[in-house]
Structure formats: structure tokens, C-alpha cells
PDB file of N, CA and C in Angstrom:
ATOM      1  N   MET A   1      -0.458 -16.248   3.965  1.00  0.00           N
ATOM      2  CA  MET A   1      -1.152 -14.925   3.570  1.00  0.00           C
ATOM      3  C   MET A   1      -1.811 -15.163   1.940  1.00  0.00           C
ATOM      4  N   ASN A   2      -3.006 -14.694   2.198  1.00  0.00           N
ATOM      5  CA  ASN A   2      -2.886 -14.695   0.600  1.00  0.00           C
ATOM      6  C   ASN A   2      -3.527 -13.518   0.327  1.00  0.00           C
ATOM      7  N   ARG A   3      -4.305 -12.884  -0.871  1.00  0.00           N
ATOM      8  CA  ARG A   3      -5.057 -11.186  -0.850  1.00  0.00           C
ATOM      9  C   ARG A   3      -6.198 -11.007  -0.810  1.00  0.00           C
ATOM     10  N   ALA A   4      -7.129 -12.381  -0.660  1.00  0.00           N
ATOM     11  CA  ALA A   4      -8.298 -12.518  -0.095  1.00  0.00           C
ATOM     12  C   ALA A   4      -8.195 -12.119   1.457  1.00  0.00           C
ATOM     13  N   GLU A   5      -7.033 -12.598   2.254  1.00  0.00           N
ATOM     14  CA  GLU A   5      -7.201 -12.497   3.829  1.00  0.00           C
ATOM     15  C   GLU A   5      -6.512 -11.020   3.966  1.00  0.00           C
ATOM     16  N   LEU A   6      -5.621 -10.289   2.929  1.00  0.00           N
ATOM     17  CA  LEU A   6      -5.115  -9.347   2.980  1.00  0.00           C
ATOM     18  C   LEU A   6      -6.477  -8.107   3.384  1.00  0.00           C
ATOM     19  N   LEU A   7      -7.401  -8.428   2.121  1.00  0.00           N
ATOM     20  CA  LEU A   7      -8.636  -7.464   1.787  1.00  0.00           C
ATOM     21  C   LEU A   7      -9.647  -7.695   3.080  1.00  0.00           C
ATOM     22  N   GLN A   8      -9.631  -8.780   3.929  1.00  0.00           N
ATOM     23  CA  GLN A   8     -10.867  -8.825   4.684  1.00  0.00           C
ATOM     24  C   GLN A   8     -10.485  -7.903   5.861  1.00  0.00           C
ATOM     25  N   GLN A   9      -9.091  -7.861   6.379  1.00  0.00           N
ATOM     26  CA  GLN A   9      -8.208  -7.535   7.521  1.00  0.00           C
ATOM     27  C   GLN A   9      -8.311  -5.860   7.406  1.00  0.00           C
ATOM     28  N   SER A  10      -8.300  -5.474   8.572  1.00  0.00           N
ATOM     29  CA  SER A  10      -7.833  -3.420   8.820  1.00  0.00           C
ATOM     30  C   SER A  10      -7.076  -3.512   8.841  1.00  0.00           C
ATOM     31  N   CYS A  11      -6.448  -2.294   9.103  1.00  0.00           N
ATOM     32  CA  CYS A  11      -5.376  -1.774   9.673  1.00  0.00           C
ATOM     33  C   CYS A  11      -6.009  -1.937  11.315  1.00  0.00           C
ATOM     34  N   ARG A  12      -4.416  -2.421  12.257  1.00  0.00           N
ATOM     35  CA  ARG A  12      -4.372  -1.902  13.485  1.00  0.00           C
ATOM     36  C   ARG A  12      -3.317  -1.081  14.715  1.00  0.00           C
ATOM     37  N   HIS A  13      -3.042  -1.030  15.349  1.00  0.00           N
ATOM     38  CA  HIS A  13      -1.784  -0.521  15.933  1.00  0.00           C
ATOM     39  C   HIS A  13      -0.842  -1.785  15.880  1.00  0.00           C
ATOM     40  N   LEU A  14       0.303  -1.622  15.789  1.00  0.00           N
ATOM     41  CA  LEU A  14       1.567  -2.817  15.682  1.00  0.00           C
ATOM     42  C   LEU A  14       2.678  -2.438  16.550  1.00  0.00           C
ATOM     43  N   GLU A  15       3.006  -2.849  17.341  1.00  0.00           N
ATOM     44  CA  GLU A  15       4.778  -2.353  17.536  1.00  0.00           C
ATOM     45  C   GLU A  15       5.383  -3.290  16.811  1.00  0.00           C
ATOM     46  N   GLN A  16       5.372  -4.475  15.988  1.00  0.00           N
ATOM     47  CA  GLN A  16       7.011  -4.770  15.294  1.00  0.00           C
ATOM     48  C   GLN A  16       6.552  -4.938  14.152  1.00  0.00           C
ATOM     49  N   SER A  17       7.524  -4.801  13.661  1.00  0.00           N
ATOM     50  CA  SER A  17       7.511  -4.970  11.907  1.00  0.00           C
ATOM     51  C   SER A  17       7.586  -6.244  11.389  1.00  0.00           C
ATOM     52  N   ALA A  18       6.764  -6.521  10.473  1.00  0.00           N
ATOM     53  CA  ALA A  18       7.392  -7.507   9.721  1.00  0.00           C
ATOM     54  C   ALA A  18       8.730  -8.168   9.469  1.00  0.00           C
ATOM     55  N   THR A  19       8.572  -9.608   9.742  1.00  0.00           N
ATOM     56  CA  THR A  19       9.960 -10.225   9.405  1.00  0.00           C
ATOM     57  C   THR A  19       9.855 -10.805   8.016  1.00  0.00           C
ATOM     58  N   PRO A  20      11.618 -10.926   7.604  1.00  0.00           N
ATOM     59  CA  PRO A  20      11.625 -11.105   6.433  1.00  0.00           C
ATOM     60  C   PRO A  20      11.274 -12.186   5.710  1.00  0.00           C
ATOM     61  N   GLU A  21      10.723 -12.842   5.878  1.00  0.00           N
ATOM     62  CA  GLU A  21      10.166 -14.212   5.780  1.00  0.00           C
ATOM     63  C   GLU A  21       8.911 -13.794   5.261  1.00  0.00           C
ATOM     64  N   ARG A  22       7.795 -12.808   6.354  1.00  0.00           N
ATOM     65  CA  ARG A  22       6.873 -12.441   6.445  1.00  0.00           C
ATOM     66  C   ARG A  22       6.539 -11.515   4.982  1.00  0.00           C
ATOM     67  N   ILE A  23       8.061 -10.703   4.451  1.00  0.00           N
ATOM     68  CA  ILE A  23       8.334  -9.799   3.296  1.00  0.00           C
ATOM     69  C   ILE A  23       7.513 -10.333   2.204  1.00  0.00           C
ATOM     70  N   THR A  24       9.411 -11.353   2.347  1.00  0.00           N
ATOM     71  CA  THR A  24       9.196 -12.257   1.244  1.00  0.00           C
ATOM     72  C   THR A  24       7.747 -12.311   0.770  1.00  0.00           C
ATOM     73  N   GLN A  25       6.606 -13.639   1.588  1.00  0.00           N
ATOM     74  CA  GLN A  25       5.700 -13.621   1.375  1.00  0.00           C
ATOM     75  C   GLN A  25       4.487 -12.836   0.672  1.00  0.00           C
ATOM     76  N   ALA A  26       4.829 -12.046   1.316  1.00  0.00           N
ATOM     77  CA  ALA A  26       3.591 -10.752   0.799  1.00  0.00           C
ATOM     78  C   ALA A  26       4.387 -10.260  -0.058  1.00  0.00           C
ATOM     79  N   LEU A  27       5.245  -9.945  -0.651  1.00  0.00           N
ATOM     80  CA  LEU A  27       5.725  -9.487  -2.025  1.00  0.00           C
ATOM     81  C   LEU A  27       5.267 -10.850  -2.612  1.00  0.00           C
ATOM     82  N   ILE A  28       4.833 -11.625  -2.651  1.00  0.00           N
ATOM     83  CA  ILE A  28       4.734 -12.962  -4.016  1.00  0.00           C
ATOM     84  C   ILE A  28       3.136 -12.948  -3.826  1.00  0.00           C
ATOM     85  N   VAL A  29       2.327 -12.561  -3.100  1.00  0.00           N
ATOM     86  CA  VAL A  29       1.314 -11.860  -2.798  1.00  0.00           C
ATOM     87  C   VAL A  29       0.650 -11.034  -3.805  1.00  0.00           C
ATOM     88  N   LEU A  30       1.610  -9.844  -3.286  1.00  0.00           N
ATOM     89  CA  LEU A  30       1.627  -8.713  -4.155  1.00  0.00           C
ATOM     90  C   LEU A  30       2.590  -8.343  -5.102  1.00  0.00           C
ATOM     91  N   PRO A  31       2.655  -9.234  -5.864  1.00  0.00           N
ATOM     92  CA  PRO A  31       3.510  -8.923  -6.911  1.00  0.00           C
ATOM     93  C   PRO A  31       3.621  -7.691  -7.822  1.00  0.00           C
ATOM     94  N   GLU A  32       2.907  -6.903  -7.876  1.00  0.00           N
ATOM     95  CA  GLU A  32       3.333  -5.832  -8.410  1.00  0.00           C
ATOM     96  C   GLU A  32       4.057  -4.661  -7.500  1.00  0.00           C
ATOM     97  N   TRP A  33       4.119  -4.948  -6.296  1.00  0.00           N
ATOM     98  CA  TRP A  33       4.681  -3.962  -5.047  1.00  0.00           C
ATOM     99  C   TRP A  33       5.953  -4.609  -5.188  1.00  0.00           C
ATOM    100  N   ALA A  34       7.236  -3.564  -4.661  1.00  0.00           N
ATOM    101  CA  ALA A  34       8.697  -3.644  -4.290  1.00  0.00           C
ATOM    102  C   ALA A  34       9.091  -3.507  -3.610  1.00  0.00           C
ATOM    103  N   LEU A  35       9.805  -3.500  -2.445  1.00  0.00           N
ATOM    104  CA  LEU A  35      11.252  -3.173  -1.343  1.00  0.00           C
ATOM    105  C   LEU A  35      11.895  -2.278  -2.017  1.00  0.00           C
ATOM    106  N   GLU A  36      11.484  -1.517  -1.665  1.00  0.00           N
ATOM    107  CA  GLU A  36      12.781  -0.495  -2.191  1.00  0.00           C
ATOM    108  C   GLU A  36      13.085   0.485  -1.124  1.00  0.00           C
ATOM    109  N   GLN A  37      14.110   0.525  -0.879  1.00  0.00           N
ATOM    110  CA  GLN A  37      14.694   1.923   0.378  1.00  0.00           C
ATOM    111  C   GLN A  37      13.724   1.075   1.661  1.00  0.00           C
ATOM    112  N   GLY A  38      14.045   0.262   2.188  1.00  0.00           N
ATOM    113  CA  GLY A  38      12.714  -0.087   3.444  1.00  0.00           C
ATOM    114  C   GLY A  38      11.419   0.094   3.401  1.00  0.00           C
ATOM    115  N   GLN A  39      10.804   0.735   1.853  1.00  0.00           N
ATOM    116  CA  GLN A  39       9.513   0.902   2.269  1.00  0.00           C
ATOM    117  C   GLN A  39       8.793  -0.102   1.058  1.00  0.00           C
ATOM    118  N   LEU A  40       7.501  -0.321   1.025  1.00  0.00           N
ATOM    119  CA  LEU A  40       6.808  -1.135   0.207  1.00  0.00           C
ATOM    120  C   LEU A  40       5.791  -0.124  -1.042  1.00  0.00           C
ATOM    121  N   VAL A  41       6.365  -0.183  -2.358  1.00  0.00           N
ATOM    122  CA  VAL A  41       6.486   0.398  -3.564  1.00  0.00           C
ATOM    123  C   VAL A  41       5.578   0.122  -4.784  1.00  0.00           C
ATOM    124  N   ARG A  42       4.779   0.893  -5.006  1.00  0.00           N
ATOM    125  CA  ARG A  42       4.085   0.517  -6.186  1.00  0.00           C
ATOM    126  C   ARG A  42       3.405   1.310  -7.160  1.00  0.00           C
ATOM    127  N   ARG A  43       3.988   1.492  -8.490  1.00  0.00           N
ATOM    128  CA  ARG A  43       3.811   2.930  -9.423  1.00  0.00           C
ATOM    129  C   ARG A  43       2.522   2.716 -10.062  1.00  0.00           C
ATOM    130  N   PHE A  44       1.230   3.256  -9.609  1.00  0.00           N
ATOM    131  CA  PHE A  44       0.328   2.960 -10.702  1.00  0.00           C
ATOM    132  C   PHE A  44       0.368   4.109 -11.991  1.00  0.00           C
ATOM    133  N   ARG A  45      -0.294   3.413 -13.537  1.00  0.00           N
ATOM    134  CA  ARG A  45       0.077   4.137 -14.778  1.00  0.00           C
ATOM    135  C   ARG A  45      -1.641   4.855 -15.186  1.00  0.00           C
ATOM    136  N   PHE A  46      -1.430   5.869 -15.498  1.00  0.00           N
ATOM    137  CA  PHE A  46      -2.941   6.137 -16.158  1.00  0.00           C
ATOM    138  C   PHE A  46      -2.923   6.840 -17.667  1.00  0.00           C
ATOM    139  N   THR A  47      -3.900   7.152 -17.991  1.00  0.00           N
ATOM    140  CA  THR A  47      -4.223   7.482 -19.180  1.00  0.00           C
ATOM    141  C   THR A  47      -3.988   8.870 -19.462  1.00  0.00           C
ATOM    142  N   ASP A  48      -4.256   9.495 -18.411  1.00  0.00           N
ATOM    143  CA  ASP A  48      -4.068  11.171 -18.170  1.00  0.00           C
ATOM    144  C   ASP A  48      -4.343  12.010 -16.816  1.00  0.00           C
ATOM    145  N   TYR A  49      -4.318  13.012 -16.316  1.00  0.00           N
ATOM    146  CA  TYR A  49      -4.052  13.583 -15.008  1.00  0.00           C
ATOM    147  C   TYR A  49      -5.666  13.081 -14.311  1.00  0.00           C
ATOM    148  N   HIS A  50      -6.731  13.579 -15.550  1.00  0.00           N
ATOM    149  CA  HIS A  50      -8.173  13.649 -14.423  1.00  0.00           C
ATOM    150  C   HIS A  50      -8.237  12.125 -14.114  1.00  0.00           C
ATOM    151  N   GLN A  51      -7.813  10.787 -14.576  1.00  0.00           N
ATOM    152  CA  GLN A  51      -7.685   9.266 -13.949  1.00  0.00           C
ATOM    153  C   GLN A  51      -6.715   9.205 -12.816  1.00  0.00           C
ATOM    154  N   THR A  52      -5.667  10.037 -13.424  1.00  0.00           N
ATOM    155  CA  THR A  52      -4.777   9.676 -11.926  1.00  0.00           C
ATOM    156  C   THR A  52      -5.286  10.382 -10.716  1.00  0.00           C
ATOM    157  N   MET A  53      -6.012  11.754 -10.553  1.00  0.00           N
ATOM    158  CA  MET A  53      -6.391  12.281  -9.099  1.00  0.00           C
ATOM    159  C   MET A  53      -8.288  11.625  -9.428  1.00  0.00           C
ATOM    160  N   ALA A  54      -8.558  11.045 -10.242  1.00  0.00           N
ATOM    161  CA  ALA A  54      -9.829  10.147  -9.601  1.00  0.00           C
ATOM    162  C   ALA A  54      -9.203   9.081  -8.493  1.00  0.00           C
ATOM    163  N   PHE A  55      -8.186   8.320  -9.364  1.00  0.00           N
ATOM    164  CA  PHE A  55      -7.768   7.089  -8.292  1.00  0.00           C
ATOM    165  C   PHE A  55      -7.230   7.935  -7.038  1.00  0.00           C
ATOM    166  N   VAL A  56      -6.587   9.044  -7.230  1.00  0.00           N
ATOM    167  CA  VAL A  56      -5.784   9.130  -5.913  1.00  0.00           C
ATOM    168  C   VAL A  56      -7.108   9.642  -4.910  1.00  0.00           C
ATOM    169  N   ASN A  57      -8.418  10.148  -5.237  1.00  0.00           N
ATOM    170  CA  ASN A  57      -8.952  10.612  -4.503  1.00  0.00           C
ATOM    171  C   ASN A  57      -9.701   9.446  -3.939  1.00  0.00           C
ATOM    172  N   ALA A  58      -9.861   8.312  -4.991  1.00  0.00           N
ATOM    173  CA  ALA A  58     -10.414   7.112  -4.661  1.00  0.00           C
ATOM    174  C   ALA A  58      -9.760   6.644  -3.307  1.00  0.00           C
ATOM    175  N   ILE A  59      -8.404   6.210  -3.560  1.00  0.00           N
ATOM    176  CA  ILE A  59      -7.382   5.508  -2.825  1.00  0.00           C
ATOM    177  C   ILE A  59      -7.467   6.409  -1.473  1.00  0.00           C
ATOM    178  N   ALA A  60      -7.986   8.097  -1.353  1.00  0.00           N
ATOM    179  CA  ALA A  60      -7.815   8.775  -0.248  1.00  0.00           C
ATOM    180  C   ALA A  60      -9.005   8.071   0.824  1.00  0.00           C
ATOM    181  N   ILE A  61      -9.996   7.987   0.409  1.00  0.00           N
ATOM    182  CA  ILE A  61     -11.315   7.720   1.258  1.00  0.00           C
ATOM    183  C   ILE A  61     -10.373   6.262   2.167  1.00  0.00           C
ATOM    184  N   LEU A  62     -10.166   5.287   1.735  1.00  0.00           N
ATOM    185  CA  LEU A  62      -9.745   3.833   2.429  1.00  0.00           C
ATOM    186  C   LEU A  62      -8.469   4.315   3.227  1.00  0.00           C
ATOM    187  N   ILE A  63      -7.677   5.089   2.552  1.00  0.00           N
ATOM    188  CA  ILE A  63      -6.515   5.221   3.655  1.00  0.00           C
ATOM    189  C   ILE A  63      -7.225   5.706   4.826  1.00  0.00           C
ATOM    190  N   HIS A  64      -7.945   6.833   4.654  1.00  0.00           N
ATOM    191  CA  HIS A  64      -8.718   7.470   5.596  1.00  0.00           C
ATOM    192  C   HIS A  64      -9.711   6.390   6.661  1.00  0.00           C
ATOM    193  N   GLU A  65     -10.358   5.514   5.831  1.00  0.00           N
ATOM    194  CA  GLU A  65     -10.924   4.799   6.827  1.00  0.00           C
ATOM    195  C   GLU A  65      -9.742   3.667   7.473  1.00  0.00           C
ATOM    196  N   GLN A  66      -8.679   3.306   6.842  1.00  0.00           N
ATOM    197  CA  GLN A  66      -7.658   2.546   7.537  1.00  0.00           C
ATOM    198  C   GLN A  66      -6.459   2.920   8.544  1.00  0.00           C
ATOM    199  N   ASP A  67      -6.252   4.448   8.859  1.00  0.00           N
ATOM    200  CA  ASP A  67      -5.860   5.033   9.192  1.00  0.00           C
ATOM    201  C   ASP A  67      -4.245   4.967   9.383  1.00  0.00           C
ATOM    202  N   HIS A  68      -4.450   4.442   7.706  1.00  0.00           N
ATOM    203  CA  HIS A  68      -2.944   4.333   7.576  1.00  0.00           C
ATOM    204  C   HIS A  68      -2.317   4.747   6.133  1.00  0.00           C
ATOM    205  N   HIS A  69      -1.471   6.064   6.735  1.00  0.00           N
ATOM    206  CA  HIS A  69      -1.176   6.636   4.866  1.00  0.00           C
ATOM    207  C   HIS A  69       0.331   7.225   4.542  1.00  0.00           C
ATOM    208  N   PRO A  70      -0.335   6.562   3.356  1.00  0.00           N
ATOM    209  CA  PRO A  70       1.397   6.308   2.255  1.00  0.00           C
ATOM    210  C   PRO A  70       2.128   7.934   2.347  1.00  0.00           C
ATOM    211  N   GLU A  71       3.043   7.540   1.691  1.00  0.00           N
ATOM    212  CA  GLU A  71       3.175   8.215   0.617  1.00  0.00           C
ATOM    213  C   GLU A  71       3.280   8.487  -0.722  1.00  0.00           C
ATOM    214  N   LEU A  72       2.566   9.459  -1.407  1.00  0.00           N
ATOM    215  CA  LEU A  72       1.758   9.644  -2.971  1.00  0.00           C
ATOM    216  C   LEU A  72       3.249  10.680  -3.736  1.00  0.00           C
ATOM    217  N   LEU A  73       3.785   9.887  -4.818  1.00  0.00           N
ATOM    218  CA  LEU A  73       4.499  10.930  -5.664  1.00  0.00           C
ATOM    219  C   LEU A  73       2.976  10.885  -6.657  1.00  0.00           C
ATOM    220  N   VAL A  74       2.409  11.896  -7.181  1.00  0.00           N
ATOM    221  CA  VAL A  74       1.475  12.440  -8.167  1.00  0.00           C
ATOM    222  C   VAL A  74       1.902  12.843  -9.397  1.00  0.00           C
ATOM    223  N   GLY A  75       2.139  12.429 -10.575  1.00  0.00           N
ATOM    224  CA  GLY A  75       2.415  13.402 -11.734  1.00  0.00           C
ATOM    225  C   GLY A  75       1.367  13.091 -12.880  1.00  0.00           C
ATOM    226  N   TYR A  76       1.585  13.301 -14.116  1.00  0.00           N
ATOM    227  CA  TYR A  76       0.194  13.462 -14.733  1.00  0.00           C
ATOM    228  C   TYR A  76      -0.279  12.399 -14.985  1.00  0.00           C
ATOM    229  N   ASN A  77       0.765  10.874 -15.436  1.00  0.00           N
ATOM    230  CA  ASN A  77      -0.286   9.963 -15.585  1.00  0.00           C
ATOM    231  C   ASN A  77       0.506   8.618 -14.801  1.00  0.00           C
ATOM    232  N   TYR A  78       0.287   9.257 -13.710  1.00  0.00           N
ATOM    233  CA  TYR A  78       0.996   8.241 -13.075  1.00  0.00           C
ATOM    234  C   TYR A  78       0.603   8.593 -11.454  1.00  0.00           C
ATOM    235  N   CYS A  79       0.604   7.469 -10.628  1.00  0.00           N
ATOM    236  CA  CYS A  79       0.693   8.113  -9.214  1.00  0.00           C
ATOM    237  C   CYS A  79       1.266   6.587  -8.313  1.00  0.00           C
ATOM    238  N   THR A  80       2.638   6.707  -7.438  1.00  0.00           N
ATOM    239  CA  THR A  80       3.398   6.256  -7.001  1.00  0.00           C
ATOM    240  C   THR A  80       3.213   6.447  -5.365  1.00  0.00           C
ATOM    241  N   VAL A  81       2.746   4.939  -5.030  1.00  0.00           N
ATOM    242  CA  VAL A  81       2.061   4.794  -3.745  1.00  0.00           C
ATOM    243  C   VAL A  81       3.699   3.871  -2.937  1.00  0.00           C
ATOM    244  N   HIS A  82       4.216   4.782  -1.341  1.00  0.00           N
ATOM    245  CA  HIS A  82       5.384   4.212  -0.602  1.00  0.00           C
ATOM    246  C   HIS A  82       4.437   3.861   0.366  1.00  0.00           C
ATOM    247  N   TYR A  83       4.941   2.833   1.164  1.00  0.00           N
ATOM    248  CA  TYR A  83       4.056   2.207   2.434  1.00  0.00           C
ATOM    249  C   TYR A  83       5.444   1.993   3.622  1.00  0.00           C
ATOM    250  N   SER A  84       4.875   2.485   4.653  1.00  0.00           N
ATOM    251  CA  SER A  84       5.840   2.106   5.578  1.00  0.00           C
ATOM    252  C   SER A  84       5.202   2.112   7.454  1.00  0.00           C
ATOM    253  N   THR A  85       5.416   1.548   7.842  1.00  0.00           N
ATOM    254  CA  THR A  85       5.034   2.158   9.281  1.00  0.00           C
ATOM    255  C   THR A  85       5.515   2.571  10.493  1.00  0.00           C
ATOM    256  N   HIS A  86       5.368   3.915  10.996  1.00  0.00           N
ATOM    257  CA  HIS A  86       6.603   4.620  11.101  1.00  0.00           C
ATOM    258  C   HIS A  86       6.691   4.435  12.931  1.00  0.00           C
ATOM    259  N   SER A  87       5.259   3.481  13.140  1.00  0.00           N
ATOM    260  CA  SER A  87       5.599   3.764  14.723  1.00  0.00           C
ATOM    261  C   SER A  87       5.886   1.882  15.143  1.00  0.00           C
ATOM    262  N   VAL A  88       6.284   1.148  14.702  1.00  0.00           N
ATOM    263  CA  VAL A  88       6.822   0.085  14.745  1.00  0.00           C
ATOM    264  C   VAL A  88       7.965   0.155  15.539  1.00  0.00           C
ATOM    265  N   ASN A  89       8.787  -0.655  16.094  1.00  0.00           N
ATOM    266  CA  ASN A  89      10.190  -0.793  16.104  1.00  0.00           C
ATOM    267  C   ASN A  89      10.163   0.322  17.046  1.00  0.00           C
ATOM    268  N   ASN A  90       9.606   0.546  18.217  1.00  0.00           N
ATOM    269  CA  ASN A  90       9.801   1.812  18.923  1.00  0.00           C
ATOM    270  C   ASN A  90      10.015   3.140  17.955  1.00  0.00           C
ATOM    271  N   GLY A  91       8.947   3.180  17.328  1.00  0.00           N
ATOM    272  CA  GLY A  91       9.381   4.796  16.215  1.00  0.00           C
ATOM    273  C   GLY A  91      10.114   4.510  15.586  1.00  0.00           C
ATOM    274  N   LYS A  92      11.283   3.665  15.006  1.00  0.00           N
ATOM    275  CA  LYS A  92      12.165   2.951  13.928  1.00  0.00           C
ATOM    276  C   LYS A  92      11.506   3.321  12.854  1.00  0.00           C
ATOM    277  N   GLY A  93      10.310   2.629  13.061  1.00  0.00           N
ATOM    278  CA  GLY A  93       9.423   2.076  12.069  1.00  0.00           C
ATOM    279  C   GLY A  93      10.333   0.963  11.103  1.00  0.00           C
ATOM    280  N   GLY A  94       9.694   0.518   9.674  1.00  0.00           N
ATOM    281  CA  GLY A  94       9.729  -0.529   9.124  1.00  0.00           C
ATOM    282  C   GLY A  94       8.303  -0.688   9.013  1.00  0.00           C
ATOM    283  N   ILE A  95       8.451  -2.127   7.344  1.00  0.00           N
ATOM    284  CA  ILE A  95       7.254  -2.534   7.275  1.00  0.00           C
ATOM    285  C   ILE A  95       6.662  -3.299   7.924  1.00  0.00           C
ATOM    286  N   SER A  96       5.291  -3.184   7.778  1.00  0.00           N
ATOM    287  CA  SER A  96       4.044  -3.806   8.735  1.00  0.00           C
ATOM    288  C   SER A  96       3.208  -4.691   8.487  1.00  0.00           C
ATOM    289  N   ASP A  97       2.273  -5.911   8.554  1.00  0.00           N
ATOM    290  CA  ASP A  97       0.955  -6.473   7.838  1.00  0.00           C
ATOM    291  C   ASP A  97       0.495  -4.866   7.339  1.00  0.00           C
ATOM    292  N   ASN A  98      -0.237  -4.144   8.262  1.00  0.00           N
ATOM    293  CA  ASN A  98      -0.726  -2.606   8.090  1.00  0.00           C
ATOM    294  C   ASN A  98      -0.290  -2.680   6.137  1.00  0.00           C
ATOM    295  N   ASP A  99       0.643  -2.253   6.064  1.00  0.00           N
ATOM    296  CA  ASP A  99       1.424  -1.753   5.032  1.00  0.00           C
ATOM    297  C   ASP A  99       0.812  -2.946   3.797  1.00  0.00           C
ATOM    298  N   PHE A 100       0.534  -4.471   3.966  1.00  0.00           N
ATOM    299  CA  PHE A 100       0.800  -5.322   3.021  1.00  0.00           C
ATOM    300  C   PHE A 100      -0.764  -4.931   2.893  1.00  0.00           C
ATOM    301  N   ILE A 101      -1.666  -5.048   3.940  1.00  0.00           N
ATOM    302  CA  ILE A 101      -2.922  -4.797   3.801  1.00  0.00           C
ATOM    303  C   ILE A 101      -3.560  -3.675   3.216  1.00  0.00           C
ATOM    304  N   CYS A 102      -2.584  -2.486   3.243  1.00  0.00           N
ATOM    305  CA  CYS A 102      -3.769  -1.388   2.370  1.00  0.00           C
ATOM    306  C   CYS A 102      -3.181  -1.833   1.043  1.00  0.00           C
ATOM    307  N   ALA A 103      -2.296  -2.030   0.665  1.00  0.00           N
ATOM    308  CA  ALA A 103      -1.359  -2.488  -0.552  1.00  0.00           C
ATOM    309  C   ALA A 103      -2.518  -3.051  -1.549  1.00  0.00           C
ATOM    310  N   ALA A 104      -2.538  -4.478  -0.950  1.00  0.00           N
ATOM    311  CA  ALA A 104      -4.063  -5.310  -1.183  1.00  0.00           C
ATOM    312  C   ALA A 104      -5.596  -4.278  -1.519  1.00  0.00           C
ATOM    313  N   LYS A 105      -5.975  -3.313  -0.473  1.00  0.00           N
ATOM    314  CA  LYS A 105      -6.984  -2.654  -0.913  1.00  0.00           C
ATOM    315  C   LYS A 105      -6.939  -1.534  -1.843  1.00  0.00           C
ATOM    316  N   ILE A 106      -5.501  -1.366  -1.800  1.00  0.00           N
ATOM    317  CA  ILE A 106      -5.644  -0.030  -2.998  1.00  0.00           C
ATOM    318  C   ILE A 106      -5.089  -0.993  -4.648  1.00  0.00           C
ATOM    319  N   ASP A 107      -4.815  -2.040  -4.218  1.00  0.00           N
ATOM    320  CA  ASP A 107      -4.988  -2.999  -5.674  1.00  0.00           C
ATOM    321  C   ASP A 107      -5.924  -3.012  -6.495  1.00  0.00           C
ATOM    322  N   ASP A 108      -7.068  -3.512  -4.615  1.00  0.00           N
ATOM    323  CA  ASP A 108      -8.286  -3.802  -5.524  1.00  0.00           C
ATOM    324  C   ASP A 108      -8.784  -2.331  -5.968  1.00  0.00           C
ATOM    325  N   VAL A 109      -8.814  -0.937  -5.580  1.00  0.00           N
ATOM    326  CA  VAL A 109      -9.528  -0.020  -6.007  1.00  0.00           C
ATOM    327  C   VAL A 109      -9.074   0.068  -7.554  1.00  0.00           C
ATOM    328  N   PHE A 110      -7.276   0.066  -8.041  1.00  0.00           N
ATOM    329  CA  PHE A 110      -7.479  -0.146  -9.534  1.00  0.00           C
ATOM    330  C   PHE A 110      -7.944  -1.045 -10.410  1.00  0.00           C
ATOM    331  N   THR A 111      -7.977  -2.279  -9.703  1.00  0.00           N
ATOM    332  CA  THR A 111      -8.129  -3.539 -10.852  1.00  0.00           C
ATOM    333  C   THR A 111      -9.489  -3.439 -11.006  1.00  0.00           C
ATOM    334  N   HIS A 112     -10.876  -2.984  -9.937  1.00  0.00           N
ATOM    335  CA  HIS A 112     -11.955  -3.094 -10.205  1.00  0.00           C
ATOM    336  C   HIS A 112     -12.282  -1.420 -10.515  1.00  0.00           C
ATOM    337  N   HIS A 113     -11.598  -0.374 -10.664  1.00  0.00           N
ATOM    338  CA  HIS A 113     -11.748   1.092 -11.036  1.00  0.00           C
ATOM    339  C   HIS A 113     -11.018   1.589 -12.602  1.00  0.00           C
ATOM    340  N   PHE A 114      -9.924   1.008 -12.916  1.00  0.00           N
ATOM    341  CA  PHE A 114      -8.927   2.121 -13.318  1.00  0.00           C
ATOM    342  C   PHE A 114      -8.341   1.056 -14.453  1.00  0.00           C
ATOM    343  N   SER A 115      -8.575   0.152 -14.566  1.00  0.00           N
ATOM    344  CA  SER A 115      -7.756  -0.951 -15.268  1.00  0.00           C
ATOM    345  C   SER A 115      -8.454  -1.592 -16.425  1.00  0.00           C
TER     346      SER A 115
END
């Protein structure tokens, strides 16, 4: 798995979560993200609220396209994105490839438009 491969993929229905090995591999490819309390998490920083909201609106488009919705925590100059997949493991949830795909796509938006 590499970032380019993740960017080319689209989210799909998954039944199983990623293995611990797969999660470790993804965290190497997505070094700005961390595993926190069973979720894939990254905090993005901005200069002001306007830029923060522009980012939230930009990622809302891709989130909708992928039909994989994170939890967002938005403040004056930051947005924290929390990803997990509630539908895997018979509805018990976990981290899945969909989380990695969306994390890479969100990173791409940030890199090309906000950094």
C-alpha cells in the first residue's frame, strides 16, 4: 500500500476491519495520522476560522462522494478528523481500508489547497 494507490481507490462496503499489520502499514504511509482510541485521527491547523471552514467545506465534498463520514471537531484554527468504520465486524466497528482511503484523500486536499 502506498499513498498513490490509496488516492486511486474509492470506498466500498466492507465487512471486516483492517488487520493490525495493515493498520501499522497504513500509519507508515499516512504518518500525520495516529491511532487513538480505536480511531484514525489527524488534527489540521489553519491561520483563522475562515480557512478552517474552507477546509471543512472542501473535504465535505469528497466525504459525500466517498459516502464515508468522519467525526469532525472544528475550532477557530483547527479541524480534527476522526475516522472509523461502524459497519465492519458485524456492526461492532473498527478501522478499515475505507478510513485509509479517505485519510489519504483528505491529506491531498490539505496539501494542495491549504499548506
